[in-house]
Amino acid sequence: MALHSLTDVTIGVPNVEETAAYYTEFGLRPTARGAEHRFATADGGEQLRLRPHPRRRLLSLGIGVDDADDLARIAASLGGLEVSCRRERDTLRTADPVTGLVVTVSVAPRLRQEVTHAEPVNSPGNLVRPNRRAPAIERQDRVRPRKLGHVVFGSVDQAATQRFFTQGLGFKVSDEAPGLASFLRCSTEHHNVLVQQAPVSFLHHTSWEVDDVDEIGRGATAMLEGHPERHTWGLGRHYIGSNFFWYLRDPAGNFSEYYSDIDCILDDQLWEPAVVAGEKSLYAWGPPPPPSFLAPEDLADLMADSHDGA
């Protein structure tokens, strides 16, 4: 695969300071503060930018490739779709014609991650932690997301946006939920971009990897202390992607997800994309998703702003 990672995301919000404080508490490390706030993950470097914008909006995505030849191939593929792009040395910039989402493809090093929590887990007939408490219950440090995993957003023409990402940029289809979404990958993780059919282009959520389900629980619990309104959906496990999840809501109205244990696709020939319908397209177990997760509470306002040209 010419593509190897989702490198960063830029979100526009009307309340930058308040939203920046949220993501600092979420566990991202502030690296720059001004008109644009920047944040880093433990392994991925600077992966989140917040910029002022009249309404919450996904402004741009960054994608990593190995070399300049990859950029040339992407430029040719975009040309075949009659989508314009601009090449500057080791960077190519383009935009999805449907959503207006700016995508920057850059030559970047591949992400290397070291194991931090590989703890023994007792199970029936396999007692690998005799006479010991689970080490996870002793963790006291703040949960720190390891990297940006995926971004989910709506498109008024899901099929056209999917073509931009697959035929234009080179993403692979992992699984699909008819009429709902397509799960697309630019790395070995099950999905890095999820495109939903929607009445307006909007950011649904960003997803941030943590070590394990204990980190999901610890992170979400800490975020909810004194702020129960942040809770959206969780704890649960998705069927598509298999990952554990817990969703929270930031002050601008975007959802942010802690996740762990997602499916990884190392050999494309050994993975067969599935078409999944019904509840399985949302979750394997956990509480049912609230209506606000399926249709965010500010969706009507976003649609009105879109019609007004905001």
C-alpha atoms as a PDB file:
ATOM      1  CA  MET A   1       0.000   0.000   0.000  1.00  0.00           C
ATOM      2  CA  ALA A   2       1.412   3.378  -1.018  1.00  0.00           C
ATOM      3  CA  LEU A   3      -0.437   5.052   1.847  1.00  0.00           C
ATOM      4  CA  HIS A   4       0.638   4.164   5.373  1.00  0.00           C
ATOM      5  CA  SER A   5      -1.030   6.429   7.941  1.00  0.00           C
ATOM      6  CA  LEU A   6      -3.515   9.088   8.877  1.00  0.00           C
ATOM      7  CA  THR A   7      -1.130  11.766  10.102  1.00  0.00           C
ATOM      8  CA  ASP A   8      -3.323  14.594  11.406  1.00  0.00           C
ATOM      9  CA  VAL A   9      -6.686  16.301  11.429  1.00  0.00           C
ATOM     10  CA  THR A  10      -7.726  19.962  11.538  1.00  0.00           C
ATOM     11  CA  ILE A  11     -11.064  20.911  13.063  1.00  0.00           C
ATOM     12  CA  GLY A  12     -12.728  24.299  12.940  1.00  0.00           C
ATOM     13  CA  VAL A  13     -14.714  25.278  16.038  1.00  0.00           C
ATOM     14  CA  PRO A  14     -16.401  28.483  17.234  1.00  0.00           C
ATOM     15  CA  ASN A  15     -15.080  28.086  20.803  1.00  0.00           C
ATOM     16  CA  VAL A  16     -11.376  27.330  20.406  1.00  0.00           C
ATOM     17  CA  GLU A  17     -10.248  27.929  23.990  1.00  0.00           C
ATOM     18  CA  GLU A  18     -12.988  25.827  25.567  1.00  0.00           C
ATOM     19  CA  THR A  19     -12.499  23.012  23.067  1.00  0.00           C
ATOM     20  CA  ALA A  20      -8.725  23.143  23.505  1.00  0.00           C
ATOM     21  CA  ALA A  21      -9.135  22.707  27.263  1.00  0.00           C
ATOM     22  CA  TYR A  22     -11.293  19.635  26.618  1.00  0.00           C
ATOM     23  CA  TYR A  23      -8.696  17.909  24.423  1.00  0.00           C
ATOM     24  CA  THR A  24      -5.972  18.708  26.910  1.00  0.00           C
ATOM     25  CA  GLU A  25      -8.036  16.962  29.574  1.00  0.00           C
ATOM     26  CA  PHE A  26      -8.746  14.152  27.076  1.00  0.00           C
ATOM     27  CA  GLY A  27      -5.029  13.396  27.225  1.00  0.00           C
ATOM     28  CA  LEU A  28      -3.556  15.113  24.168  1.00  0.00           C
ATOM     29  CA  ARG A  29      -0.440  17.200  24.776  1.00  0.00           C
ATOM     30  CA  PRO A  30      -0.651  20.891  23.795  1.00  0.00           C
ATOM     31  CA  THR A  31       2.238  21.887  21.524  1.00  0.00           C
ATOM     32  CA  ALA A  32       1.198  25.315  20.260  1.00  0.00           C
ATOM     33  CA  ARG A  33      -1.280  27.945  21.322  1.00  0.00           C
ATOM     34  CA  GLY A  34      -2.530  30.988  19.438  1.00  0.00           C
ATOM     35  CA  ALA A  35      -5.125  31.447  16.733  1.00  0.00           C
ATOM     36  CA  GLU A  36      -4.479  27.759  16.040  1.00  0.00           C
ATOM     37  CA  HIS A  37      -4.088  25.278  18.890  1.00  0.00           C
ATOM     38  CA  ARG A  38      -2.064  22.122  18.231  1.00  0.00           C
ATOM     39  CA  PHE A  39      -1.911  18.850  20.128  1.00  0.00           C
ATOM     40  CA  ALA A  40       0.281  15.753  20.041  1.00  0.00           C
ATOM     41  CA  THR A  41      -0.347  12.107  20.837  1.00  0.00           C
ATOM     42  CA  ALA A  42       2.153   9.896  22.634  1.00  0.00           C
ATOM     43  CA  ASP A  43       3.365   8.175  19.457  1.00  0.00           C
ATOM     44  CA  GLY A  44       2.088  10.133  16.463  1.00  0.00           C
ATOM     45  CA  GLY A  45       3.432  13.634  17.072  1.00  0.00           C
ATOM     46  CA  GLU A  46       1.227  16.646  16.296  1.00  0.00           C
ATOM     47  CA  GLN A  47      -2.045  15.136  15.159  1.00  0.00           C
ATOM     48  CA  LEU A  48      -4.781  17.630  16.077  1.00  0.00           C
ATOM     49  CA  ARG A  49      -5.208  21.268  15.116  1.00  0.00           C
ATOM     50  CA  LEU A  50      -8.072  23.476  16.269  1.00  0.00           C
ATOM     51  CA  ARG A  51      -8.858  26.638  14.318  1.00  0.00           C
ATOM     52  CA  PRO A  52     -11.546  29.290  14.746  1.00  0.00           C
ATOM     53  CA  HIS A  53     -14.561  28.757  12.501  1.00  0.00           C
ATOM     54  CA  PRO A  54     -18.172  30.003  12.649  1.00  0.00           C
ATOM     55  CA  ARG A  55     -19.458  26.426  13.013  1.00  0.00           C
ATOM     56  CA  ARG A  56     -17.855  23.134  13.852  1.00  0.00           C
ATOM     57  CA  ARG A  57     -16.321  21.668  10.741  1.00  0.00           C
ATOM     58  CA  LEU A  58     -13.749  19.148   9.579  1.00  0.00           C
ATOM     59  CA  LEU A  59     -11.271  21.321   7.696  1.00  0.00           C
ATOM     60  CA  SER A  60      -8.468  18.994   6.641  1.00  0.00           C
ATOM     61  CA  LEU A  61      -6.880  15.557   6.870  1.00  0.00           C
ATOM     62  CA  GLY A  62      -3.234  14.567   6.550  1.00  0.00           C
ATOM     63  CA  ILE A  63      -2.117  11.290   4.998  1.00  0.00           C
ATOM     64  CA  GLY A  64       1.389   9.810   5.010  1.00  0.00           C
ATOM     65  CA  VAL A  65       3.106   8.055   2.094  1.00  0.00           C
ATOM     66  CA  ASP A  66       6.563   6.540   1.668  1.00  0.00           C
ATOM     67  CA  ASP A  67       8.074   8.519  -1.205  1.00  0.00           C
ATOM     68  CA  ALA A  68       7.591  10.985  -4.062  1.00  0.00           C
ATOM     69  CA  ASP A  69       6.597   8.206  -6.468  1.00  0.00           C
ATOM     70  CA  ASP A  70       3.507   7.665  -4.335  1.00  0.00           C
ATOM     71  CA  LEU A  71       2.581  11.318  -4.761  1.00  0.00           C
ATOM     72  CA  ALA A  72       2.967  11.024  -8.529  1.00  0.00           C
ATOM     73  CA  ARG A  73       0.646   8.010  -8.626  1.00  0.00           C
ATOM     74  CA  ILE A  74      -1.971   9.816  -6.553  1.00  0.00           C
ATOM     75  CA  ALA A  75      -1.762  12.894  -8.779  1.00  0.00           C
ATOM     76  CA  ALA A  76      -2.369  10.700 -11.840  1.00  0.00           C
ATOM     77  CA  SER A  77      -5.320   8.949 -10.179  1.00  0.00           C
ATOM     78  CA  LEU A  78      -6.902  12.255  -9.181  1.00  0.00           C
ATOM     79  CA  GLY A  79      -6.447  13.476 -12.732  1.00  0.00           C
ATOM     80  CA  GLY A  80      -8.395  10.463 -13.932  1.00  0.00           C
ATOM     81  CA  LEU A  81     -11.292  11.625 -11.729  1.00  0.00           C
ATOM     82  CA  GLU A  82     -10.863  15.214 -12.966  1.00  0.00           C
ATOM     83  CA  VAL A  83     -10.017  16.324  -9.430  1.00  0.00           C
ATOM     84  CA  SER A  84      -7.375  19.028  -9.223  1.00  0.00           C
ATOM     85  CA  CYS A  85      -4.331  18.876  -6.960  1.00  0.00           C
ATOM     86  CA  ARG A  86      -1.221  20.924  -6.260  1.00  0.00           C
ATOM     87  CA  ARG A  87       2.200  19.351  -5.828  1.00  0.00           C
ATOM     88  CA  GLU A  88       4.940  21.061  -3.816  1.00  0.00           C
ATOM     89  CA  ARG A  89       8.073  18.959  -3.319  1.00  0.00           C
ATOM     90  CA  ASP A  90       7.107  16.203  -0.875  1.00  0.00           C
ATOM     91  CA  THR A  91       3.505  17.327  -0.454  1.00  0.00           C
ATOM     92  CA  LEU A  92       0.341  17.085  -2.526  1.00  0.00           C
ATOM     93  CA  ARG A  93      -2.821  19.023  -1.702  1.00  0.00           C
ATOM     94  CA  THR A  94      -6.277  18.321  -2.993  1.00  0.00           C
ATOM     95  CA  ALA A  95      -9.903  18.462  -1.848  1.00  0.00           C
ATOM     96  CA  ASP A  96     -12.960  16.246  -1.989  1.00  0.00           C
ATOM     97  CA  PRO A  97     -15.310  17.908  -4.512  1.00  0.00           C
ATOM     98  CA  VAL A  98     -18.383  16.932  -2.482  1.00  0.00           C
ATOM     99  CA  THR A  99     -17.486  17.932   1.079  1.00  0.00           C
ATOM    100  CA  GLY A 100     -14.739  20.460   0.348  1.00  0.00           C
ATOM    101  CA  LEU A 101     -12.499  18.584   2.780  1.00  0.00           C
ATOM    102  CA  VAL A 102      -8.864  19.490   2.176  1.00  0.00           C
ATOM    103  CA  VAL A 103      -6.493  16.517   2.084  1.00  0.00           C
ATOM    104  CA  THR A 104      -2.724  16.904   2.347  1.00  0.00           C
ATOM    105  CA  VAL A 105      -0.660  13.892   1.341  1.00  0.00           C
ATOM    106  CA  SER A 106       2.965  14.074   2.486  1.00  0.00           C
ATOM    107  CA  VAL A 107       6.069  11.928   2.436  1.00  0.00           C
ATOM    108  CA  ALA A 108       6.372  10.951   6.100  1.00  0.00           C
ATOM    109  CA  PRO A 109       8.078   8.267   8.194  1.00  0.00           C
ATOM    110  CA  ARG A 110       6.030   5.255   9.179  1.00  0.00           C
ATOM    111  CA  LEU A 111       4.729   5.217  12.733  1.00  0.00           C
ATOM    112  CA  ARG A 112       6.556   2.880  15.107  1.00  0.00           C
ATOM    113  CA  GLN A 113       4.883   1.995  18.400  1.00  0.00           C
ATOM    114  CA  GLU A 114       6.419   0.304  21.422  1.00  0.00           C
ATOM    115  CA  VAL A 115       4.415  -1.927  23.752  1.00  0.00           C
ATOM    116  CA  THR A 116       3.639  -0.193  27.046  1.00  0.00           C
ATOM    117  CA  HIS A 117       0.930  -2.393  28.601  1.00  0.00           C
ATOM    118  CA  ALA A 118       1.151  -6.091  27.715  1.00  0.00           C
ATOM    119  CA  GLU A 119      -0.268  -7.541  30.887  1.00  0.00           C
ATOM    120  CA  PRO A 120      -1.196 -11.166  31.652  1.00  0.00           C
ATOM    121  CA  VAL A 121      -4.923 -11.873  31.588  1.00  0.00           C
ATOM    122  CA  ASN A 122      -6.475 -14.791  33.456  1.00  0.00           C
ATOM    123  CA  SER A 123      -9.099 -16.818  31.612  1.00  0.00           C
ATOM    124  CA  PRO A 124     -10.809 -20.164  32.263  1.00  0.00           C
ATOM    125  CA  GLY A 125      -8.188 -22.885  32.144  1.00  0.00           C
ATOM    126  CA  ASN A 126      -5.406 -20.348  31.516  1.00  0.00           C
ATOM    127  CA  LEU A 127      -4.294 -18.808  34.802  1.00  0.00           C
ATOM    128  CA  VAL A 128      -1.292 -16.793  33.708  1.00  0.00           C
ATOM    129  CA  ARG A 129      -1.383 -14.360  36.642  1.00  0.00           C
ATOM    130  CA  PRO A 130      -1.414 -16.576  39.748  1.00  0.00           C
ATOM    131  CA  ASN A 131      -1.350 -14.991  43.186  1.00  0.00           C
ATOM    132  CA  ARG A 132      -1.248 -11.444  41.751  1.00  0.00           C
ATOM    133  CA  ARG A 133      -3.685  -8.580  41.391  1.00  0.00           C
ATOM    134  CA  ALA A 134      -4.229  -7.249  37.887  1.00  0.00           C
ATOM    135  CA  PRO A 135      -1.562  -4.554  37.278  1.00  0.00           C
ATOM    136  CA  ALA A 136      -4.148  -2.393  35.497  1.00  0.00           C
ATOM    137  CA  ILE A 137      -5.901  -1.536  38.766  1.00  0.00           C
ATOM    138  CA  GLU A 138      -2.725   0.150  40.028  1.00  0.00           C
ATOM    139  CA  ARG A 139      -2.441   2.626  37.142  1.00  0.00           C
ATOM    140  CA  GLN A 140      -2.574   6.214  38.354  1.00  0.00           C
ATOM    141  CA  ASP A 141      -1.141   8.278  35.506  1.00  0.00           C
ATOM    142  CA  ARG A 142      -3.338  10.239  33.094  1.00  0.00           C
ATOM    143  CA  VAL A 143      -4.534   8.341  30.052  1.00  0.00           C
ATOM    144  CA  ARG A 144      -2.548   9.444  26.984  1.00  0.00           C
ATOM    145  CA  PRO A 145      -3.862   8.530  23.526  1.00  0.00           C
ATOM    146  CA  ARG A 146      -1.178   6.762  21.513  1.00  0.00           C
ATOM    147  CA  LYS A 147      -2.266   8.006  18.076  1.00  0.00           C
ATOM    148  CA  LEU A 148      -5.087   9.309  15.925  1.00  0.00           C
ATOM    149  CA  GLY A 149      -6.905   6.259  14.591  1.00  0.00           C
ATOM    150  CA  HIS A 150      -9.752   7.393  12.375  1.00  0.00           C
ATOM    151  CA  VAL A 151     -12.080  10.205  11.410  1.00  0.00           C
ATOM    152  CA  VAL A 152     -15.798   9.863  10.659  1.00  0.00           C
ATOM    153  CA  PHE A 153     -17.682  12.469   8.667  1.00  0.00           C
ATOM    154  CA  GLY A 154     -20.829  12.924   6.625  1.00  0.00           C
ATOM    155  CA  SER A 155     -21.168  13.521   2.900  1.00  0.00           C
ATOM    156  CA  VAL A 156     -24.264  14.413   0.901  1.00  0.00           C
ATOM    157  CA  ASP A 157     -22.940  12.051  -1.800  1.00  0.00           C
ATOM    158  CA  GLN A 158     -21.303   9.191   0.054  1.00  0.00           C
ATOM    159  CA  ALA A 159     -20.522   7.225  -3.115  1.00  0.00           C
ATOM    160  CA  ALA A 160     -18.717  10.156  -4.752  1.00  0.00           C
ATOM    161  CA  THR A 161     -16.683  10.887  -1.616  1.00  0.00           C
ATOM    162  CA  GLN A 162     -15.784   7.205  -1.387  1.00  0.00           C
ATOM    163  CA  ARG A 163     -14.538   7.289  -5.001  1.00  0.00           C
ATOM    164  CA  PHE A 164     -12.363  10.289  -4.148  1.00  0.00           C
ATOM    165  CA  PHE A 165     -10.735   8.382  -1.304  1.00  0.00           C
ATOM    166  CA  THR A 166     -10.454   4.990  -3.005  1.00  0.00           C
ATOM    167  CA  GLN A 167      -9.946   5.666  -6.722  1.00  0.00           C
ATOM    168  CA  GLY A 168      -8.288   9.037  -6.202  1.00  0.00           C
ATOM    169  CA  LEU A 169      -6.144   8.675  -3.096  1.00  0.00           C
ATOM    170  CA  GLY A 170      -5.756   4.900  -2.894  1.00  0.00           C
ATOM    171  CA  PHE A 171      -7.708   3.973   0.249  1.00  0.00           C
ATOM    172  CA  LYS A 172      -8.941   0.386   0.550  1.00  0.00           C
ATOM    173  CA  VAL A 173     -12.497  -0.651   1.470  1.00  0.00           C
ATOM    174  CA  SER A 174     -12.519  -2.786   4.633  1.00  0.00           C
ATOM    175  CA  ASP A 175     -16.270  -3.222   5.187  1.00  0.00           C
ATOM    176  CA  GLU A 176     -19.508  -1.514   4.226  1.00  0.00           C
ATOM    177  CA  ALA A 177     -22.870  -0.851   5.845  1.00  0.00           C
ATOM    178  CA  PRO A 178     -25.408  -0.335   3.031  1.00  0.00           C
ATOM    179  CA  GLY A 179     -27.017   3.068   3.147  1.00  0.00           C
ATOM    180  CA  LEU A 180     -24.967   4.057   6.176  1.00  0.00           C
ATOM    181  CA  ALA A 181     -21.220   4.122   5.707  1.00  0.00           C
ATOM    182  CA  SER A 182     -18.078   2.732   4.146  1.00  0.00           C
ATOM    183  CA  PHE A 183     -15.031   1.882   6.267  1.00  0.00           C
ATOM    184  CA  LEU A 184     -11.847   2.886   4.438  1.00  0.00           C
ATOM    185  CA  ARG A 185      -8.206   2.355   5.376  1.00  0.00           C
ATOM    186  CA  CYS A 186      -4.892   3.963   4.492  1.00  0.00           C
ATOM    187  CA  SER A 187      -2.931   1.897   7.015  1.00  0.00           C
ATOM    188  CA  THR A 188      -3.026  -1.611   8.446  1.00  0.00           C
ATOM    189  CA  GLU A 189      -5.824  -0.613  10.844  1.00  0.00           C
ATOM    190  CA  HIS A 190      -9.350  -1.630   9.878  1.00  0.00           C
ATOM    191  CA  HIS A 191     -10.395   1.919   9.047  1.00  0.00           C
ATOM    192  CA  ASN A 192      -8.910   5.393   9.087  1.00  0.00           C
ATOM    193  CA  VAL A 193     -11.789   7.177   7.363  1.00  0.00           C
ATOM    194  CA  LEU A 194     -15.476   6.387   7.633  1.00  0.00           C
ATOM    195  CA  VAL A 195     -17.764   8.205   5.197  1.00  0.00           C
ATOM    196  CA  GLN A 196     -21.447   8.415   6.140  1.00  0.00           C
ATOM    197  CA  GLN A 197     -24.368   9.357   3.937  1.00  0.00           C
ATOM    198  CA  ALA A 198     -25.707  12.540   5.524  1.00  0.00           C
ATOM    199  CA  PRO A 199     -27.930  15.522   4.751  1.00  0.00           C
ATOM    200  CA  VAL A 200     -24.960  17.857   5.241  1.00  0.00           C
ATOM    201  CA  SER A 201     -21.175  17.549   5.322  1.00  0.00           C
ATOM    202  CA  PHE A 202     -20.127  17.508   8.961  1.00  0.00           C
ATOM    203  CA  LEU A 203     -17.625  15.971  11.361  1.00  0.00           C
ATOM    204  CA  HIS A 204     -19.113  13.122  13.367  1.00  0.00           C
ATOM    205  CA  HIS A 205     -16.113  12.030  15.447  1.00  0.00           C
ATOM    206  CA  THR A 206     -12.405  11.567  15.773  1.00  0.00           C
ATOM    207  CA  SER A 207     -11.037   8.377  17.313  1.00  0.00           C
ATOM    208  CA  TRP A 208      -7.929   8.048  19.465  1.00  0.00           C
ATOM    209  CA  GLU A 209      -6.124   4.813  20.287  1.00  0.00           C
ATOM    210  CA  VAL A 210      -5.261   3.863  23.853  1.00  0.00           C
ATOM    211  CA  ASP A 211      -3.535   0.740  25.115  1.00  0.00           C
ATOM    212  CA  ASP A 212      -6.453  -1.395  26.233  1.00  0.00           C
ATOM    213  CA  VAL A 213      -9.994  -1.443  27.548  1.00  0.00           C
ATOM    214  CA  ASP A 214      -8.781  -0.395  31.010  1.00  0.00           C
ATOM    215  CA  GLU A 215      -7.391   2.816  29.518  1.00  0.00           C
ATOM    216  CA  ILE A 216     -10.732   3.414  27.788  1.00  0.00           C
ATOM    217  CA  GLY A 217     -12.544   3.036  31.084  1.00  0.00           C
ATOM    218  CA  ARG A 218     -10.063   5.126  33.050  1.00  0.00           C
ATOM    219  CA  GLY A 219      -9.987   7.861  30.427  1.00  0.00           C
ATOM    220  CA  ALA A 220     -13.747   8.155  30.053  1.00  0.00           C
ATOM    221  CA  THR A 221     -14.348   7.982  33.803  1.00  0.00           C
ATOM    222  CA  ALA A 222     -11.903  10.829  34.395  1.00  0.00           C
ATOM    223  CA  MET A 223     -13.513  12.924  31.643  1.00  0.00           C
ATOM    224  CA  LEU A 224     -16.962  12.443  33.158  1.00  0.00           C
ATOM    225  CA  GLU A 225     -16.000  13.509  36.676  1.00  0.00           C
ATOM    226  CA  GLY A 226     -17.902  16.739  37.115  1.00  0.00           C
ATOM    227  CA  HIS A 227     -19.000  16.670  33.462  1.00  0.00           C
ATOM    228  CA  PRO A 228     -21.681  14.005  32.985  1.00  0.00           C
ATOM    229  CA  GLU A 229     -22.943  15.906  29.930  1.00  0.00           C
ATOM    230  CA  ARG A 230     -19.872  14.744  28.026  1.00  0.00           C
ATOM    231  CA  HIS A 231     -21.040  11.135  27.965  1.00  0.00           C
ATOM    232  CA  THR A 232     -22.386   9.937  24.617  1.00  0.00           C
ATOM    233  CA  TRP A 233     -22.084   6.177  24.179  1.00  0.00           C
ATOM    234  CA  GLY A 234     -20.130   3.364  25.803  1.00  0.00           C
ATOM    235  CA  LEU A 235     -18.614   1.220  27.053  1.00  0.00           C
ATOM    236  CA  GLY A 236     -19.124  -1.220  24.174  1.00  0.00           C
ATOM    237  CA  ARG A 237     -17.510  -3.202  21.387  1.00  0.00           C
ATOM    238  CA  HIS A 238     -18.050  -2.593  17.704  1.00  0.00           C
ATOM    239  CA  TYR A 239     -18.785  -5.452  15.345  1.00  0.00           C
ATOM    240  CA  ILE A 240     -17.198  -3.738  12.333  1.00  0.00           C
ATOM    241  CA  GLY A 241     -13.567  -3.216  13.326  1.00  0.00           C
ATOM    242  CA  SER A 242     -14.040  -5.197  16.566  1.00  0.00           C
ATOM    243  CA  ASN A 243     -12.681  -2.377  18.736  1.00  0.00           C
ATOM    244  CA  PHE A 244     -13.765  -1.463  22.254  1.00  0.00           C
ATOM    245  CA  PHE A 245     -15.165   2.078  22.373  1.00  0.00           C
ATOM    246  CA  TRP A 246     -16.416   4.925  24.532  1.00  0.00           C
ATOM    247  CA  TYR A 247     -17.631   8.154  22.944  1.00  0.00           C
ATOM    248  CA  LEU A 248     -17.640  11.577  24.566  1.00  0.00           C
ATOM    249  CA  ARG A 249     -18.731  14.970  23.250  1.00  0.00           C
ATOM    250  CA  ASP A 250     -16.479  18.027  23.116  1.00  0.00           C
ATOM    251  CA  PRO A 251     -17.767  21.575  23.811  1.00  0.00           C
ATOM    252  CA  ALA A 252     -18.162  22.296  20.078  1.00  0.00           C
ATOM    253  CA  GLY A 253     -20.431  19.280  19.585  1.00  0.00           C
ATOM    254  CA  ASN A 254     -17.946  16.868  18.003  1.00  0.00           C
ATOM    255  CA  PHE A 255     -17.702  13.334  19.366  1.00  0.00           C
ATOM    256  CA  SER A 256     -14.322  11.968  20.431  1.00  0.00           C
ATOM    257  CA  GLU A 257     -13.691   8.271  20.912  1.00  0.00           C
ATOM    258  CA  TYR A 258     -11.253   6.304  23.011  1.00  0.00           C
ATOM    259  CA  TYR A 259     -10.667   2.932  21.349  1.00  0.00           C
ATOM    260  CA  SER A 260      -8.473  -0.155  21.634  1.00  0.00           C
ATOM    261  CA  ASP A 261      -8.068  -3.614  20.090  1.00  0.00           C
ATOM    262  CA  ILE A 262      -9.117  -2.794  16.528  1.00  0.00           C
ATOM    263  CA  ASP A 263      -8.823  -5.295  13.663  1.00  0.00           C
ATOM    264  CA  CYS A 264      -5.601  -4.977  11.681  1.00  0.00           C
ATOM    265  CA  ILE A 265      -5.211  -6.006   8.044  1.00  0.00           C
ATOM    266  CA  LEU A 266      -1.614  -6.937   7.244  1.00  0.00           C
ATOM    267  CA  ASP A 267      -2.358  -8.847   4.038  1.00  0.00           C
ATOM    268  CA  ASP A 268      -5.081  -7.518   1.732  1.00  0.00           C
ATOM    269  CA  GLN A 269      -5.483 -10.936   0.122  1.00  0.00           C
ATOM    270  CA  LEU A 270      -6.447 -12.487   3.445  1.00  0.00           C
ATOM    271  CA  TRP A 271      -9.184  -9.948   4.187  1.00  0.00           C
ATOM    272  CA  GLU A 272     -12.564 -10.109   2.490  1.00  0.00           C
ATOM    273  CA  PRO A 273     -14.672  -6.943   2.837  1.00  0.00           C
ATOM    274  CA  ALA A 274     -18.108  -7.641   4.278  1.00  0.00           C
ATOM    275  CA  VAL A 275     -21.478  -6.013   3.807  1.00  0.00           C
ATOM    276  CA  VAL A 276     -22.990  -5.656   7.278  1.00  0.00           C
ATOM    277  CA  ALA A 277     -26.533  -4.492   7.994  1.00  0.00           C
ATOM    278  CA  GLY A 278     -28.691  -3.881  11.044  1.00  0.00           C
ATOM    279  CA  GLU A 279     -27.384  -3.429  14.570  1.00  0.00           C
ATOM    280  CA  LYS A 280     -24.136  -5.220  13.674  1.00  0.00           C
ATOM    281  CA  SER A 281     -23.169  -2.186  11.628  1.00  0.00           C
ATOM    282  CA  LEU A 282     -23.065  -0.253  14.901  1.00  0.00           C
ATOM    283  CA  TYR A 283     -22.049  -2.575  17.733  1.00  0.00           C
ATOM    284  CA  ALA A 284     -21.612  -6.149  18.911  1.00  0.00           C
ATOM    285  CA  TRP A 285     -22.459  -5.420  22.546  1.00  0.00           C
ATOM    286  CA  GLY A 286     -22.966  -2.482  24.875  1.00  0.00           C
ATOM    287  CA  PRO A 287     -25.768  -0.026  25.522  1.00  0.00           C
ATOM    288  CA  PRO A 288     -27.816   0.985  22.468  1.00  0.00           C
ATOM    289  CA  PRO A 289     -26.570   4.146  20.768  1.00  0.00           C
ATOM    290  CA  PRO A 290     -28.508   7.251  21.791  1.00  0.00           C
ATOM    291  CA  PRO A 291     -30.435   9.195  19.129  1.00  0.00           C
ATOM    292  CA  SER A 292     -27.901  12.027  19.409  1.00  0.00           C
ATOM    293  CA  PHE A 293     -25.130   9.713  18.225  1.00  0.00           C
ATOM    294  CA  LEU A 294     -27.031   8.762  15.086  1.00  0.00           C
ATOM    295  CA  ALA A 295     -28.234  12.325  14.432  1.00  0.00           C
ATOM    296  CA  PRO A 296     -26.275  14.966  16.385  1.00  0.00           C
ATOM    297  CA  GLU A 297     -28.427  17.510  18.157  1.00  0.00           C
ATOM    298  CA  ASP A 298     -27.053  20.406  16.113  1.00  0.00           C
ATOM    299  CA  LEU A 299     -27.567  18.704  12.735  1.00  0.00           C
ATOM    300  CA  ALA A 300     -30.489  20.962  11.784  1.00  0.00           C
ATOM    301  CA  ASP A 301     -28.421  24.054  12.590  1.00  0.00           C
ATOM    302  CA  LEU A 302     -25.520  22.746  10.513  1.00  0.00           C
ATOM    303  CA  MET A 303     -27.878  22.159   7.610  1.00  0.00           C
ATOM    304  CA  ALA A 304     -29.303  25.662   7.909  1.00  0.00           C
ATOM    305  CA  ASP A 305     -25.821  27.188   8.069  1.00  0.00           C
ATOM    306  CA  SER A 306     -24.818  25.176   5.009  1.00  0.00           C
ATOM    307  CA  HIS A 307     -27.778  26.493   3.026  1.00  0.00           C
ATOM    308  CA  ASP A 308     -26.885  30.023   4.120  1.00  0.00           C
ATOM    309  CA  GLY A 309     -23.344  29.517   2.785  1.00  0.00           C
ATOM    310  CA  ALA A 310     -21.644  29.632   6.214  1.00  0.00           C
END
